[in-house]
Protein backbone atom coordinates (compact mmCIF):
# COMPACT_ATOMS: atom_id res chain seq x y z
CA UNK A 1 35.22 -65.21 39.34
CA UNK A 2 33.79 -66.30 42.72
CA UNK A 3 33.54 -70.05 42.69
CA UNK A 4 32.76 -70.85 46.34
CA UNK A 5 30.78 -69.40 49.21
CA UNK A 6 32.24 -66.62 51.23
CA UNK A 7 31.39 -66.85 54.92
CA UNK A 8 30.22 -63.92 57.06
CA UNK A 9 33.60 -63.93 58.82
CA UNK A 10 35.43 -63.11 55.57
CA UNK A 11 36.55 -59.54 55.12
CA UNK A 12 35.19 -59.78 51.56
CA UNK A 13 31.67 -60.91 52.58
CA UNK A 14 29.93 -57.54 52.08
CA UNK A 15 31.65 -56.91 48.76
CA UNK A 16 30.80 -60.36 47.43
CA UNK A 17 27.15 -59.92 48.42
CA UNK A 18 27.10 -56.54 46.62
CA UNK A 19 28.56 -58.12 43.52
CA UNK A 20 26.08 -60.93 43.54
CA UNK A 21 23.23 -58.40 43.82
CA UNK A 22 24.60 -56.63 40.72
CA UNK A 23 24.98 -59.95 38.84
CA UNK A 24 21.43 -61.02 39.73
CA UNK A 25 19.85 -57.67 38.89
CA UNK A 26 17.33 -57.08 36.15
CA UNK A 27 19.73 -55.52 33.66
CA UNK A 28 19.66 -54.58 30.01
CA UNK A 29 23.23 -54.41 28.74
CA UNK A 30 24.63 -53.05 25.49
CA UNK A 31 28.19 -53.65 24.41
CA UNK A 32 30.29 -51.35 22.36
CA UNK A 33 33.76 -52.21 21.06
CA UNK A 34 36.58 -49.95 22.24
CA UNK A 35 40.11 -50.15 20.99
CA UNK A 36 42.69 -50.77 23.74
CA UNK A 37 44.12 -47.29 23.06
CA UNK A 38 40.76 -45.87 24.07
CA UNK A 39 40.60 -47.87 27.26
CA UNK A 40 44.15 -47.73 28.61
CA UNK A 41 43.24 -48.57 32.22
CA UNK A 42 41.49 -51.80 31.22
CA UNK A 43 44.38 -52.67 28.90
CA UNK A 44 46.99 -51.99 31.63
CA UNK A 45 45.06 -54.04 34.25
CA UNK A 46 44.62 -56.99 31.87
CA UNK A 47 48.37 -57.10 31.11
CA UNK A 48 49.26 -56.52 34.80
CA UNK A 49 46.94 -59.27 36.03
CA UNK A 50 48.85 -61.96 34.07
CA UNK A 51 51.69 -61.74 36.63
CA UNK A 52 49.38 -61.75 39.70
CA UNK A 53 48.51 -64.68 41.92
CA UNK A 54 44.86 -65.69 41.24
CA UNK A 55 42.94 -64.19 44.18
CA UNK A 56 40.56 -61.36 45.00
CA UNK A 57 42.58 -58.17 44.86
CA UNK A 58 41.34 -54.70 45.71
CA UNK A 59 43.43 -51.90 44.40
CA UNK A 60 42.87 -49.00 46.78
CA UNK A 61 46.11 -47.21 45.83
CA UNK A 62 46.75 -47.55 42.09
CA UNK A 63 50.32 -48.11 40.94
CA UNK A 64 52.04 -45.12 39.31
CA UNK A 65 51.57 -46.33 35.72
CA UNK A 66 47.90 -46.81 36.29
CA UNK A 67 47.55 -43.36 37.91
CA UNK A 68 48.92 -41.80 34.73
CA UNK A 69 46.37 -43.65 32.61
CA UNK A 70 43.53 -42.68 35.04
CA UNK A 71 44.64 -39.06 34.73
CA UNK A 72 44.55 -39.34 30.96
CA UNK A 73 40.98 -40.78 31.17
CA UNK A 74 39.84 -37.92 33.37
CA UNK A 75 40.95 -35.22 30.95
CA UNK A 76 39.78 -37.23 27.88
CA UNK A 77 43.26 -37.74 26.36
CA UNK A 78 43.48 -40.27 23.60
CA UNK A 79 46.24 -42.21 21.99
CA UNK A 80 46.17 -42.97 18.27
CA UNK A 81 45.15 -46.37 16.94
CA UNK A 82 47.25 -47.36 13.95
CA UNK A 83 45.64 -49.59 11.33
CA UNK A 84 47.67 -51.07 8.50
CA UNK A 85 45.99 -51.28 5.14
């Protein structure tokens, strides 16, 4: 979350401006639930972020574990979701 202004001298200025243009756009959004097994990258990033210092972080070279999950997403691989009844 961006809570304060980012000056033109910031290396993140252009990216923040682009994000704000997306946020302020005239959008119609629909949400669809996805089990964590179906969205491994988001699940991995959420768990990984807990140990990170709160700041803006660009991941230009994904860690090995995330690369594996990205590869699985590309080929459409899925992991089972177990539900107890």
